[in-house]
Amino acid sequence: MRRSWPGMILVLLLAGCHSAPTQFYTLTSSAGASRVPFAFSRALPVVVARVELPGDLDRDAFVTRVGPNRLNVSDTDRWGGPFDEMIQRVLASDLSSRLPAGMVLAPGDPVPASGARTVKLTIRQFMGDSNGHVVLEADWSLLSGNPPKPQLIRHEQLFDNAGSNHAAAIVATMSHLLARLADRIADTVAASR
């Protein structure tokens, strides 16, 4: 059987030209409905520590659950930066809009000599599925003192429906769930001064 190499090369080139372009996504912060009131003058500022992610989420590619024991790691949908840093930045921004002005330090800000309280977040699950259902399951703790010790520890499990299994809809819903988590953390931080 004789093969036509120029014809095969042309078919391969055309197949490569029709691949879907890579899309990049980012989480966005959402302003709180109102700031949580409390006496800021006596409270230490809050810093959000580096977020811990499970291995199946600690990647550049967008991940969705397609079955009880199966994940889809997208070939075309990517995070615009490290996922853990994005969560840390957005959570700090969300908290900043919920707590008194100047109360939350942005990632990388210097900590005052008087110290700060630290919010430590460990993500257990944070993804959508093939039906557009999105879950955020996480443990978080508030640390204070020198050396830092847990002042309190909480487990949160939040759900929402993106209305679509498209990455853009799931990412918007993930941002919304992160804002809801910030609401809970802000309320707890204010009550624990």
N, C-alpha and C. Protein backbone atom coordinates (compact mmCIF):
# COMPACT_ATOMS: atom_id res chain seq x y z
N MET A 1 0.84 -1.17 0.00
CA MET A 1 0.00 0.00 0.00
C MET A 1 0.89 1.24 0.00
N ARG A 2 0.65 2.11 -0.92
CA ARG A 2 1.46 3.30 -1.06
C ARG A 2 0.78 4.47 -0.35
N ARG A 3 1.53 5.20 0.50
CA ARG A 3 0.99 6.33 1.26
C ARG A 3 1.38 7.63 0.59
N SER A 4 0.49 8.57 0.69
CA SER A 4 0.74 9.91 0.17
C SER A 4 1.17 10.81 1.34
N TRP A 5 2.48 10.93 1.53
CA TRP A 5 3.00 11.72 2.66
C TRP A 5 2.57 13.18 2.61
N PRO A 6 2.62 13.84 1.48
CA PRO A 6 2.16 15.23 1.47
C PRO A 6 0.69 15.35 1.87
N GLY A 7 -0.14 14.41 1.46
CA GLY A 7 -1.56 14.43 1.83
C GLY A 7 -1.76 14.21 3.32
N MET A 8 -0.98 13.30 3.92
CA MET A 8 -1.10 13.04 5.36
C MET A 8 -0.64 14.26 6.16
N ILE A 9 0.43 14.90 5.71
CA ILE A 9 0.93 16.09 6.41
C ILE A 9 -0.12 17.20 6.35
N LEU A 10 -0.77 17.36 5.21
CA LEU A 10 -1.80 18.38 5.07
C LEU A 10 -2.97 18.10 6.01
N VAL A 11 -3.39 16.85 6.12
CA VAL A 11 -4.49 16.48 7.03
C VAL A 11 -4.10 16.79 8.48
N LEU A 12 -2.88 16.47 8.88
CA LEU A 12 -2.42 16.74 10.24
C LEU A 12 -2.36 18.24 10.52
N LEU A 13 -1.87 19.00 9.57
CA LEU A 13 -1.81 20.45 9.75
C LEU A 13 -3.20 21.06 9.89
N LEU A 14 -4.14 20.61 9.05
CA LEU A 14 -5.50 21.13 9.13
C LEU A 14 -6.16 20.74 10.45
N ALA A 15 -5.91 19.54 10.94
CA ALA A 15 -6.47 19.10 12.22
C ALA A 15 -5.94 19.97 13.35
N GLY A 16 -4.67 20.33 13.30
CA GLY A 16 -4.07 21.19 14.32
C GLY A 16 -4.62 22.59 14.30
N CYS A 17 -5.04 23.07 13.12
CA CYS A 17 -5.55 24.44 12.99
C CYS A 17 -6.94 24.58 13.60
N HIS A 18 -7.66 23.51 13.79
CA HIS A 18 -9.03 23.58 14.29
C HIS A 18 -9.13 23.30 15.78
N SER A 19 -8.03 23.27 16.49
CA SER A 19 -8.11 23.03 17.93
C SER A 19 -8.66 24.28 18.62
N ALA A 20 -9.37 24.07 19.70
CA ALA A 20 -9.99 25.18 20.44
C ALA A 20 -8.92 26.04 21.10
N PRO A 21 -9.10 27.35 21.11
CA PRO A 21 -8.11 28.22 21.76
C PRO A 21 -8.17 28.08 23.28
N THR A 22 -7.06 28.32 23.92
CA THR A 22 -6.99 28.25 25.37
C THR A 22 -7.70 29.46 25.97
N GLN A 23 -8.53 29.22 26.97
CA GLN A 23 -9.24 30.27 27.69
C GLN A 23 -8.63 30.36 29.10
N PHE A 24 -8.42 31.59 29.60
CA PHE A 24 -7.86 31.78 30.94
C PHE A 24 -8.91 32.42 31.83
N TYR A 25 -8.99 31.93 33.08
CA TYR A 25 -10.02 32.38 34.02
C TYR A 25 -9.38 32.85 35.32
N THR A 26 -10.10 33.73 36.01
CA THR A 26 -9.67 34.20 37.31
C THR A 26 -10.88 34.35 38.22
N LEU A 27 -10.66 34.15 39.50
CA LEU A 27 -11.70 34.40 40.49
C LEU A 27 -11.75 35.91 40.72
N THR A 28 -12.93 36.41 41.09
CA THR A 28 -13.08 37.84 41.35
C THR A 28 -13.67 38.05 42.74
N SER A 29 -13.29 39.16 43.34
CA SER A 29 -13.82 39.48 44.67
C SER A 29 -15.18 40.15 44.53
N SER A 30 -15.95 40.07 45.60
CA SER A 30 -17.28 40.68 45.65
C SER A 30 -17.38 41.51 46.92
N ALA A 31 -17.81 42.74 46.78
CA ALA A 31 -17.98 43.59 47.96
C ALA A 31 -19.08 43.03 48.85
N GLY A 32 -18.88 43.15 50.14
CA GLY A 32 -19.89 42.71 51.10
C GLY A 32 -21.06 43.69 51.12
N ALA A 33 -22.21 43.22 51.57
CA ALA A 33 -23.39 44.08 51.66
C ALA A 33 -23.13 45.23 52.63
N SER A 34 -22.40 44.94 53.70
CA SER A 34 -22.03 45.99 54.66
C SER A 34 -20.83 45.50 55.45
N ARG A 35 -20.16 46.43 56.09
CA ARG A 35 -19.02 46.06 56.92
C ARG A 35 -19.51 45.57 58.27
N VAL A 36 -18.82 44.56 58.81
CA VAL A 36 -19.16 44.03 60.12
C VAL A 36 -18.69 45.05 61.16
N PRO A 37 -19.60 45.54 62.02
CA PRO A 37 -19.20 46.57 62.98
C PRO A 37 -18.51 45.97 64.22
N PHE A 38 -17.42 46.57 64.62
CA PHE A 38 -16.81 46.31 65.92
C PHE A 38 -15.69 47.31 66.16
N ALA A 39 -15.21 47.35 67.41
CA ALA A 39 -14.21 48.34 67.80
C ALA A 39 -12.86 47.97 67.22
N PHE A 40 -12.48 48.63 66.12
CA PHE A 40 -11.23 48.33 65.43
C PHE A 40 -10.01 48.75 66.23
N SER A 41 -10.14 49.76 67.07
CA SER A 41 -8.97 50.32 67.76
C SER A 41 -8.25 49.29 68.62
N ARG A 42 -8.97 48.29 69.12
CA ARG A 42 -8.33 47.30 69.99
C ARG A 42 -8.03 45.98 69.28
N ALA A 43 -8.48 45.85 68.07
CA ALA A 43 -8.34 44.57 67.37
C ALA A 43 -7.06 44.53 66.54
N LEU A 44 -6.41 43.38 66.55
CA LEU A 44 -5.25 43.18 65.69
C LEU A 44 -5.72 43.02 64.24
N PRO A 45 -4.92 43.45 63.28
CA PRO A 45 -5.29 43.24 61.88
C PRO A 45 -5.28 41.75 61.53
N VAL A 46 -5.85 41.44 60.38
CA VAL A 46 -5.99 40.06 59.93
C VAL A 46 -5.21 39.89 58.63
N VAL A 47 -4.50 38.79 58.51
CA VAL A 47 -3.80 38.44 57.29
C VAL A 47 -4.27 37.04 56.86
N VAL A 48 -4.46 36.84 55.56
CA VAL A 48 -4.85 35.53 55.03
C VAL A 48 -3.56 34.80 54.63
N ALA A 49 -3.33 33.64 55.25
CA ALA A 49 -2.13 32.85 54.97
C ALA A 49 -2.26 32.17 53.62
N ARG A 50 -1.16 31.61 53.15
CA ARG A 50 -1.17 30.84 51.90
C ARG A 50 -2.19 29.70 52.02
N VAL A 51 -2.98 29.52 51.00
CA VAL A 51 -4.06 28.53 50.98
C VAL A 51 -3.51 27.15 50.64
N GLU A 52 -3.98 26.15 51.36
CA GLU A 52 -3.59 24.77 51.08
C GLU A 52 -4.64 24.12 50.18
N LEU A 53 -4.16 23.48 49.11
CA LEU A 53 -5.05 22.81 48.14
C LEU A 53 -4.73 21.33 48.06
N PRO A 54 -5.74 20.49 47.80
CA PRO A 54 -5.44 19.09 47.51
C PRO A 54 -4.78 18.97 46.14
N GLY A 55 -4.05 17.92 45.92
CA GLY A 55 -3.29 17.73 44.68
C GLY A 55 -4.14 17.77 43.43
N ASP A 56 -5.39 17.30 43.50
CA ASP A 56 -6.20 17.29 42.28
C ASP A 56 -6.64 18.69 41.85
N LEU A 57 -6.51 19.69 42.73
CA LEU A 57 -6.85 21.06 42.37
C LEU A 57 -5.63 21.95 42.20
N ASP A 58 -4.49 21.50 42.66
CA ASP A 58 -3.27 22.31 42.64
C ASP A 58 -2.60 22.20 41.26
N ARG A 59 -3.24 22.84 40.28
CA ARG A 59 -2.77 22.77 38.89
C ARG A 59 -3.26 23.98 38.13
N ASP A 60 -2.67 24.22 36.96
CA ASP A 60 -3.08 25.35 36.12
C ASP A 60 -4.36 25.06 35.36
N ALA A 61 -4.62 23.80 35.07
CA ALA A 61 -5.79 23.43 34.28
C ALA A 61 -7.05 23.47 35.13
N PHE A 62 -8.16 23.78 34.49
CA PHE A 62 -9.46 23.83 35.14
C PHE A 62 -9.97 22.40 35.31
N VAL A 63 -10.45 22.08 36.53
CA VAL A 63 -10.87 20.72 36.85
C VAL A 63 -12.36 20.72 37.17
N THR A 64 -13.08 19.76 36.59
CA THR A 64 -14.49 19.54 36.94
C THR A 64 -14.69 18.07 37.26
N ARG A 65 -15.69 17.81 38.10
CA ARG A 65 -16.03 16.43 38.45
C ARG A 65 -17.05 15.93 37.42
N VAL A 66 -16.79 14.78 36.83
CA VAL A 66 -17.70 14.22 35.83
C VAL A 66 -18.31 12.90 36.29
N GLY A 67 -18.03 12.50 37.49
CA GLY A 67 -18.59 11.29 38.07
C GLY A 67 -18.07 11.13 39.48
N PRO A 68 -18.58 10.16 40.21
CA PRO A 68 -18.16 9.98 41.60
C PRO A 68 -16.66 9.76 41.77
N ASN A 69 -16.05 9.09 40.80
CA ASN A 69 -14.63 8.77 40.89
C ASN A 69 -13.85 9.24 39.67
N ARG A 70 -14.37 10.30 39.00
CA ARG A 70 -13.72 10.73 37.77
C ARG A 70 -13.70 12.25 37.67
N LEU A 71 -12.55 12.78 37.29
CA LEU A 71 -12.38 14.21 37.09
C LEU A 71 -12.03 14.48 35.63
N ASN A 72 -12.40 15.67 35.16
CA ASN A 72 -11.99 16.12 33.84
C ASN A 72 -11.00 17.27 34.03
N VAL A 73 -9.79 17.10 33.53
CA VAL A 73 -8.78 18.15 33.55
C VAL A 73 -8.76 18.73 32.15
N SER A 74 -9.21 19.98 32.02
CA SER A 74 -9.42 20.59 30.71
C SER A 74 -8.12 20.80 29.94
N ASP A 75 -8.20 20.59 28.63
CA ASP A 75 -7.07 20.87 27.74
C ASP A 75 -7.05 22.33 27.31
N THR A 76 -8.21 23.03 27.43
CA THR A 76 -8.29 24.40 26.92
C THR A 76 -8.62 25.45 27.97
N ASP A 77 -9.17 25.07 29.11
CA ASP A 77 -9.52 26.03 30.15
C ASP A 77 -8.43 26.02 31.22
N ARG A 78 -7.88 27.19 31.50
CA ARG A 78 -6.76 27.33 32.44
C ARG A 78 -7.03 28.45 33.42
N TRP A 79 -6.41 28.35 34.60
CA TRP A 79 -6.41 29.46 35.55
C TRP A 79 -5.38 30.49 35.08
N GLY A 80 -5.66 31.75 35.31
CA GLY A 80 -4.78 32.82 34.89
C GLY A 80 -3.53 32.95 35.75
N GLY A 81 -3.44 32.21 36.82
CA GLY A 81 -2.28 32.21 37.72
C GLY A 81 -2.42 31.04 38.68
N PRO A 82 -1.50 30.91 39.62
CA PRO A 82 -1.60 29.81 40.60
C PRO A 82 -2.93 29.89 41.36
N PHE A 83 -3.64 28.79 41.38
CA PHE A 83 -4.98 28.74 41.96
C PHE A 83 -4.96 29.09 43.45
N ASP A 84 -3.97 28.60 44.19
CA ASP A 84 -3.92 28.89 45.63
C ASP A 84 -3.70 30.38 45.89
N GLU A 85 -2.85 31.02 45.10
CA GLU A 85 -2.60 32.45 45.28
C GLU A 85 -3.83 33.27 44.90
N MET A 86 -4.57 32.81 43.89
CA MET A 86 -5.78 33.50 43.47
C MET A 86 -6.83 33.46 44.58
N ILE A 87 -7.01 32.29 45.20
CA ILE A 87 -7.96 32.15 46.30
C ILE A 87 -7.54 33.06 47.46
N GLN A 88 -6.26 33.05 47.80
CA GLN A 88 -5.75 33.87 48.90
C GLN A 88 -6.01 35.36 48.65
N ARG A 89 -5.70 35.82 47.44
CA ARG A 89 -5.87 37.23 47.09
C ARG A 89 -7.34 37.63 47.12
N VAL A 90 -8.21 36.80 46.54
CA VAL A 90 -9.64 37.13 46.48
C VAL A 90 -10.26 37.07 47.87
N LEU A 91 -9.90 36.08 48.66
CA LEU A 91 -10.45 35.99 50.02
C LEU A 91 -10.02 37.21 50.84
N ALA A 92 -8.76 37.62 50.73
CA ALA A 92 -8.29 38.81 51.46
C ALA A 92 -9.07 40.05 51.00
N SER A 93 -9.31 40.18 49.72
CA SER A 93 -10.07 41.32 49.19
C SER A 93 -11.51 41.27 49.67
N ASP A 94 -12.12 40.09 49.64
CA ASP A 94 -13.50 39.94 50.13
C ASP A 94 -13.59 40.31 51.61
N LEU A 95 -12.64 39.83 52.41
CA LEU A 95 -12.64 40.15 53.84
C LEU A 95 -12.42 41.64 54.07
N SER A 96 -11.57 42.24 53.26
CA SER A 96 -11.28 43.66 53.38
C SER A 96 -12.53 44.52 53.18
N SER A 97 -13.44 44.08 52.33
CA SER A 97 -14.67 44.84 52.10
C SER A 97 -15.73 44.56 53.15
N ARG A 98 -15.50 43.59 54.02
CA ARG A 98 -16.47 43.23 55.04
C ARG A 98 -16.07 43.67 56.44
N LEU A 99 -14.78 43.78 56.68
CA LEU A 99 -14.26 44.20 57.98
C LEU A 99 -13.90 45.68 57.91
N PRO A 100 -13.71 46.34 59.05
CA PRO A 100 -13.38 47.77 59.02
C PRO A 100 -12.17 48.07 58.14
N ALA A 101 -12.17 49.24 57.52
CA ALA A 101 -11.09 49.66 56.63
C ALA A 101 -9.74 49.54 57.33
N GLY A 102 -8.77 48.96 56.65
CA GLY A 102 -7.43 48.80 57.20
C GLY A 102 -7.25 47.59 58.09
N MET A 103 -8.32 46.84 58.32
CA MET A 103 -8.28 45.69 59.22
C MET A 103 -7.62 44.47 58.58
N VAL A 104 -7.72 44.33 57.25
CA VAL A 104 -7.19 43.16 56.56
C VAL A 104 -5.96 43.57 55.76
N LEU A 105 -4.88 42.84 55.96
CA LEU A 105 -3.65 43.09 55.22
C LEU A 105 -3.68 42.28 53.92
N ALA A 106 -3.28 42.89 52.84
CA ALA A 106 -3.21 42.18 51.56
C ALA A 106 -2.02 41.22 51.59
N PRO A 107 -2.08 40.13 50.82
CA PRO A 107 -0.93 39.22 50.77
C PRO A 107 0.35 39.98 50.42
N GLY A 108 1.39 39.79 51.23
CA GLY A 108 2.66 40.45 51.01
C GLY A 108 2.84 41.74 51.79
N ASP A 109 1.74 42.29 52.36
CA ASP A 109 1.87 43.49 53.18
C ASP A 109 2.68 43.20 54.43
N PRO A 110 3.45 44.18 54.92
CA PRO A 110 4.19 43.96 56.16
C PRO A 110 3.24 43.87 57.36
N VAL A 111 3.58 43.00 58.29
CA VAL A 111 2.78 42.83 59.51
C VAL A 111 3.30 43.82 60.55
N PRO A 112 2.41 44.57 61.21
CA PRO A 112 2.88 45.53 62.20
C PRO A 112 3.59 44.83 63.37
N ALA A 113 4.41 45.59 64.08
CA ALA A 113 5.17 45.04 65.21
C ALA A 113 4.25 44.49 66.29
N SER A 114 3.05 45.05 66.40
CA SER A 114 2.09 44.56 67.41
C SER A 114 1.53 43.19 67.06
N GLY A 115 1.75 42.73 65.81
CA GLY A 115 1.28 41.41 65.39
C GLY A 115 0.00 41.47 64.59
N ALA A 116 -0.48 40.30 64.24
CA ALA A 116 -1.72 40.17 63.47
C ALA A 116 -2.32 38.81 63.75
N ARG A 117 -3.60 38.71 63.47
CA ARG A 117 -4.26 37.41 63.51
C ARG A 117 -4.22 36.84 62.09
N THR A 118 -4.12 35.53 61.98
CA THR A 118 -3.97 34.88 60.68
C THR A 118 -5.17 33.99 60.40
N VAL A 119 -5.75 34.14 59.21
CA VAL A 119 -6.78 33.21 58.73
C VAL A 119 -6.06 32.18 57.88
N LYS A 120 -6.15 30.93 58.29
CA LYS A 120 -5.54 29.83 57.54
C LYS A 120 -6.66 29.00 56.91
N LEU A 121 -6.57 28.80 55.59
CA LEU A 121 -7.62 28.11 54.84
C LEU A 121 -7.06 26.86 54.18
N THR A 122 -7.73 25.74 54.44
CA THR A 122 -7.39 24.48 53.80
C THR A 122 -8.59 24.03 52.98
N ILE A 123 -8.44 24.05 51.67
CA ILE A 123 -9.52 23.64 50.77
C ILE A 123 -9.58 22.12 50.71
N ARG A 124 -10.75 21.58 50.89
CA ARG A 124 -10.97 20.13 50.74
C ARG A 124 -11.52 19.83 49.34
N GLN A 125 -12.43 20.71 48.88
CA GLN A 125 -13.06 20.53 47.57
C GLN A 125 -13.52 21.91 47.09
N PHE A 126 -13.22 22.24 45.84
CA PHE A 126 -13.63 23.53 45.28
C PHE A 126 -13.67 23.38 43.77
N MET A 127 -14.81 22.91 43.27
CA MET A 127 -14.96 22.69 41.82
C MET A 127 -16.42 22.54 41.48
N GLY A 128 -16.69 22.61 40.18
CA GLY A 128 -18.02 22.34 39.67
C GLY A 128 -18.08 20.94 39.10
N ASP A 129 -19.28 20.53 38.75
CA ASP A 129 -19.42 19.22 38.11
C ASP A 129 -20.05 19.38 36.74
N SER A 130 -20.29 18.26 36.07
CA SER A 130 -20.80 18.30 34.70
C SER A 130 -22.23 18.82 34.62
N ASN A 131 -22.93 18.96 35.76
CA ASN A 131 -24.28 19.53 35.78
C ASN A 131 -24.30 20.99 36.21
N GLY A 132 -23.12 21.57 36.48
CA GLY A 132 -23.05 22.96 36.92
C GLY A 132 -23.17 23.16 38.41
N HIS A 133 -23.23 22.09 39.19
CA HIS A 133 -23.27 22.20 40.65
C HIS A 133 -21.85 22.49 41.14
N VAL A 134 -21.72 23.47 42.02
CA VAL A 134 -20.40 23.88 42.52
C VAL A 134 -20.38 23.71 44.03
N VAL A 135 -19.28 23.19 44.54
CA VAL A 135 -19.12 22.99 45.98
C VAL A 135 -17.80 23.61 46.44
N LEU A 136 -17.86 24.25 47.60
CA LEU A 136 -16.68 24.73 48.30
C LEU A 136 -16.72 24.10 49.68
N GLU A 137 -15.78 23.21 49.94
CA GLU A 137 -15.65 22.59 51.25
C GLU A 137 -14.25 22.92 51.77
N ALA A 138 -14.21 23.49 52.95
CA ALA A 138 -12.92 23.96 53.47
C ALA A 138 -12.92 23.97 54.99
N ASP A 139 -11.72 23.85 55.55
CA ASP A 139 -11.49 24.08 56.97
C ASP A 139 -10.75 25.40 57.07
N TRP A 140 -11.12 26.22 58.03
CA TRP A 140 -10.38 27.45 58.24
C TRP A 140 -10.19 27.66 59.74
N SER A 141 -9.12 28.33 60.06
CA SER A 141 -8.84 28.61 61.46
C SER A 141 -8.34 30.03 61.60
N LEU A 142 -8.55 30.58 62.78
CA LEU A 142 -8.05 31.91 63.12
C LEU A 142 -6.94 31.70 64.14
N LEU A 143 -5.72 32.11 63.77
CA LEU A 143 -4.56 31.93 64.63
C LEU A 143 -4.14 33.27 65.22
N SER A 144 -3.69 33.22 66.46
CA SER A 144 -3.18 34.44 67.09
C SER A 144 -2.10 34.07 68.09
N GLY A 145 -1.34 35.06 68.51
CA GLY A 145 -0.27 34.86 69.48
C GLY A 145 1.07 34.64 68.81
N ASN A 146 2.10 34.53 69.65
CA ASN A 146 3.45 34.29 69.15
C ASN A 146 4.10 33.22 70.02
N PRO A 147 4.26 32.00 69.57
CA PRO A 147 3.95 31.50 68.22
C PRO A 147 2.43 31.40 68.00
N PRO A 148 2.00 31.48 66.74
CA PRO A 148 0.57 31.46 66.45
C PRO A 148 -0.07 30.14 66.86
N LYS A 149 -1.21 30.27 67.55
CA LYS A 149 -1.99 29.10 67.97
C LYS A 149 -3.44 29.30 67.54
N PRO A 150 -4.13 28.20 67.21
CA PRO A 150 -5.53 28.34 66.77
C PRO A 150 -6.41 28.93 67.88
N GLN A 151 -7.07 30.02 67.52
CA GLN A 151 -8.04 30.64 68.42
C GLN A 151 -9.40 29.97 68.21
N LEU A 152 -9.66 29.58 66.98
CA LEU A 152 -10.87 28.83 66.64
C LEU A 152 -10.65 28.09 65.33
N ILE A 153 -11.42 27.02 65.13
CA ILE A 153 -11.34 26.20 63.91
C ILE A 153 -12.77 25.95 63.44
N ARG A 154 -13.00 26.11 62.14
CA ARG A 154 -14.33 25.90 61.57
C ARG A 154 -14.24 25.05 60.30
N HIS A 155 -15.32 24.33 60.04
CA HIS A 155 -15.48 23.58 58.79
C HIS A 155 -16.67 24.18 58.07
N GLU A 156 -16.50 24.48 56.79
CA GLU A 156 -17.58 25.07 55.99
C GLU A 156 -17.81 24.22 54.75
N GLN A 157 -19.09 24.08 54.39
CA GLN A 157 -19.44 23.40 53.15
C GLN A 157 -20.54 24.22 52.50
N LEU A 158 -20.22 24.82 51.35
CA LEU A 158 -21.14 25.70 50.64
C LEU A 158 -21.42 25.15 49.25
N PHE A 159 -22.66 25.32 48.80
CA PHE A 159 -23.08 24.80 47.50
C PHE A 159 -23.81 25.89 46.72
N ASP A 160 -23.76 25.81 45.40
CA ASP A 160 -24.54 26.70 44.53
C ASP A 160 -24.62 26.05 43.15
N ASN A 161 -25.55 26.52 42.34
CA ASN A 161 -25.71 26.00 40.99
C ASN A 161 -25.33 27.09 40.01
N ALA A 162 -24.40 26.78 39.12
CA ALA A 162 -23.92 27.75 38.13
C ALA A 162 -24.91 27.94 36.99
N GLY A 163 -25.86 27.02 36.83
CA GLY A 163 -26.82 27.10 35.74
C GLY A 163 -26.26 26.59 34.42
N SER A 164 -24.99 26.19 34.42
CA SER A 164 -24.33 25.70 33.21
C SER A 164 -23.07 24.95 33.63
N ASN A 165 -22.60 24.07 32.77
CA ASN A 165 -21.34 23.39 33.07
C ASN A 165 -20.16 24.05 32.35
N HIS A 166 -20.40 25.22 31.75
CA HIS A 166 -19.34 25.96 31.08
C HIS A 166 -18.40 26.56 32.13
N ALA A 167 -17.12 26.58 31.83
CA ALA A 167 -16.11 27.05 32.79
C ALA A 167 -16.40 28.46 33.28
N ALA A 168 -16.82 29.37 32.40
CA ALA A 168 -17.07 30.76 32.81
C ALA A 168 -18.15 30.84 33.87
N ALA A 169 -19.23 30.06 33.71
CA ALA A 169 -20.32 30.07 34.70
C ALA A 169 -19.86 29.44 36.02
N ILE A 170 -19.09 28.38 35.93
CA ILE A 170 -18.60 27.73 37.15
C ILE A 170 -17.65 28.65 37.91
N VAL A 171 -16.75 29.34 37.20
CA VAL A 171 -15.81 30.25 37.86
C VAL A 171 -16.55 31.39 38.55
N ALA A 172 -17.58 31.95 37.90
CA ALA A 172 -18.36 33.02 38.52
C ALA A 172 -19.03 32.52 39.80
N THR A 173 -19.53 31.29 39.78
CA THR A 173 -20.16 30.71 40.96
C THR A 173 -19.13 30.42 42.04
N MET A 174 -17.94 29.99 41.66
CA MET A 174 -16.87 29.78 42.63
C MET A 174 -16.53 31.10 43.34
N SER A 175 -16.48 32.19 42.58
CA SER A 175 -16.22 33.51 43.17
C SER A 175 -17.32 33.86 44.18
N HIS A 176 -18.56 33.57 43.81
CA HIS A 176 -19.70 33.83 44.70
C HIS A 176 -19.58 33.02 45.99
N LEU A 177 -19.20 31.75 45.88
CA LEU A 177 -19.05 30.91 47.08
C LEU A 177 -17.91 31.41 47.96
N LEU A 178 -16.84 31.88 47.37
CA LEU A 178 -15.72 32.43 48.14
C LEU A 178 -16.18 33.69 48.90
N ALA A 179 -17.05 34.49 48.28
CA ALA A 179 -17.60 35.67 48.96
C ALA A 179 -18.48 35.25 50.13
N ARG A 180 -19.27 34.19 49.97
CA ARG A 180 -20.09 33.69 51.08
C ARG A 180 -19.22 33.17 52.22
N LEU A 181 -18.11 32.53 51.87
CA LEU A 181 -17.17 32.09 52.91
C LEU A 181 -16.60 33.31 53.64
N ALA A 182 -16.27 34.36 52.90
CA ALA A 182 -15.76 35.59 53.52
C ALA A 182 -16.79 36.20 54.47
N ASP A 183 -18.09 36.14 54.12
CA ASP A 183 -19.14 36.61 55.03
C ASP A 183 -19.06 35.87 56.36
N ARG A 184 -18.94 34.57 56.31
CA ARG A 184 -18.90 33.76 57.54
C ARG A 184 -17.64 34.04 58.34
N ILE A 185 -16.50 34.13 57.65
CA ILE A 185 -15.25 34.39 58.36
C ILE A 185 -15.29 35.78 59.00
N ALA A 186 -15.78 36.78 58.28
CA ALA A 186 -15.84 38.15 58.83
C ALA A 186 -16.71 38.20 60.06
N ASP A 187 -17.88 37.56 60.03
CA ASP A 187 -18.75 37.53 61.19
C ASP A 187 -18.06 36.89 62.39
N THR A 188 -17.36 35.78 62.14
CA THR A 188 -16.68 35.06 63.22
C THR A 188 -15.50 35.86 63.77
N VAL A 189 -14.72 36.48 62.87
CA VAL A 189 -13.58 37.29 63.31
C VAL A 189 -14.05 38.45 64.17
N ALA A 190 -15.15 39.10 63.76
CA ALA A 190 -15.66 40.23 64.53
C ALA A 190 -16.15 39.79 65.91
N ALA A 191 -16.75 38.60 65.98
CA ALA A 191 -17.27 38.11 67.26
C ALA A 191 -16.17 37.61 68.18
N SER A 192 -14.98 37.31 67.62
CA SER A 192 -13.91 36.71 68.42
C SER A 192 -12.85 37.70 68.86
N ARG A 193 -13.08 38.99 68.71
CA ARG A 193 -12.04 39.96 69.05
C ARG A 193 -11.66 39.78 70.44
